[in-house]
Amino acid sequence: MIGVSSTAFGNVSLHETRVVSGISRMRAVPVLHVPANGAVALKPGGLHLMLMQPAGKPKPGDRVPVSLRLQDGRVLRSTFDVRPASALK
């Protein structure tokens, strides 16, 4: 995956959280390699999407459209459910 976007957000990027010397740090991930016939999980505290500059105010129960751009030019379209922050724990 080489890019991600959403009509509901002005800026979307892929990030990774790592603990370095006891400090949690995030960094942008320009390319996400997914193994053939494999999977990669996006989750809090690991690989995750940074959704910035919302077009509105998403609330729990809403669905956010997301487009994943692949290296071969294909675009995979999906939706993500908005959950309350308490659901991340």
Protein backbone atom coordinates (compact mmCIF):
# COMPACT_ATOMS: atom_id res chain seq x y z
CA MET A 1 0.00 0.00 0.00
CA ILE A 2 1.49 3.32 -1.03
CA GLY A 3 -1.24 5.75 -0.07
CA VAL A 4 -4.49 6.29 1.76
CA SER A 5 -7.18 8.95 1.51
CA SER A 6 -10.72 9.74 2.63
CA THR A 7 -13.34 12.18 1.45
CA ALA A 8 -14.18 12.74 5.13
CA PHE A 9 -10.67 13.97 6.04
CA GLY A 10 -8.30 16.46 4.46
CA ASN A 11 -5.21 14.45 5.37
CA VAL A 12 -4.81 10.71 5.97
CA SER A 13 -1.52 8.91 6.50
CA LEU A 14 -0.22 5.61 7.77
CA HIS A 15 1.83 5.70 10.98
CA GLU A 16 3.54 3.23 13.25
CA THR A 17 3.96 3.52 17.00
CA ARG A 18 7.08 2.01 18.55
CA VAL A 19 8.50 2.18 22.06
CA VAL A 20 12.11 3.38 21.92
CA SER A 21 14.06 3.61 25.19
CA GLY A 22 10.79 3.49 27.10
CA ILE A 23 9.23 6.34 25.09
CA SER A 24 6.36 5.80 22.68
CA ARG A 25 7.16 7.35 19.29
CA MET A 26 5.19 7.62 16.07
CA ARG A 27 6.62 7.77 12.59
CA ALA A 28 5.07 7.97 9.15
CA VAL A 29 5.18 4.78 7.10
CA PRO A 30 5.50 5.65 3.39
CA VAL A 31 4.88 2.08 2.13
CA LEU A 32 3.08 -0.78 3.86
CA HIS A 33 4.23 -4.17 2.60
CA VAL A 34 1.59 -6.88 2.88
CA PRO A 35 2.88 -10.42 2.37
CA ALA A 36 1.34 -12.49 -0.45
CA ASN A 37 -1.74 -14.27 0.92
CA GLY A 38 -1.04 -12.53 4.22
CA ALA A 39 -2.49 -9.77 6.32
CA VAL A 40 -1.40 -6.73 8.27
CA ALA A 41 -3.39 -5.45 11.25
CA LEU A 42 -4.04 -1.76 11.88
CA LYS A 43 -4.54 -1.14 15.60
CA PRO A 44 -3.84 1.38 18.36
CA GLY A 45 -0.25 1.20 19.57
CA GLY A 46 1.00 -0.29 16.29
CA LEU A 47 0.32 0.42 12.63
CA HIS A 48 -2.59 2.85 12.38
CA LEU A 49 -4.15 5.51 10.18
CA MET A 50 -3.82 9.16 11.17
CA LEU A 51 -7.04 10.89 10.10
CA MET A 52 -6.53 14.67 10.22
CA GLN A 53 -8.55 17.72 9.19
CA PRO A 54 -12.05 16.23 9.37
CA ALA A 55 -14.67 17.65 7.01
CA GLY A 56 -17.22 17.35 9.84
CA LYS A 57 -17.38 16.02 13.36
CA PRO A 58 -17.46 12.21 13.22
CA LYS A 59 -19.36 10.57 16.04
CA PRO A 60 -19.68 6.96 17.23
CA GLY A 61 -21.82 4.99 14.81
CA ASP A 62 -20.74 6.98 11.74
CA ARG A 63 -18.94 5.23 8.90
CA VAL A 64 -15.84 6.81 7.33
CA PRO A 65 -14.97 6.03 3.69
CA VAL A 66 -11.30 5.20 3.13
CA SER A 67 -9.44 4.46 -0.12
CA LEU A 68 -6.22 2.44 -0.04
CA ARG A 69 -3.90 2.98 -3.03
CA LEU A 70 -1.79 -0.01 -4.04
CA GLN A 71 1.56 0.04 -5.81
CA ASP A 72 0.07 -1.54 -8.95
CA GLY A 73 -2.40 1.35 -9.32
CA ARG A 74 -5.45 -0.37 -7.88
CA VAL A 75 -7.55 1.41 -5.28
CA LEU A 76 -9.37 -0.58 -2.60
CA ARG A 77 -12.36 1.22 -1.10
CA SER A 78 -13.64 0.44 2.35
CA THR A 79 -15.41 2.02 5.29
CA PHE A 80 -14.43 2.17 8.93
CA ASP A 81 -16.83 2.41 11.85
CA VAL A 82 -16.34 5.36 14.21
CA ARG A 83 -16.09 4.08 17.78
CA PRO A 84 -15.81 5.96 21.06
CA ALA A 85 -12.28 6.45 22.42
CA SER A 86 -13.17 4.16 25.32
CA ALA A 87 -13.50 1.27 22.84
CA LEU A 88 -9.74 1.45 22.14
CA LYS A 89 -8.74 0.25 25.61
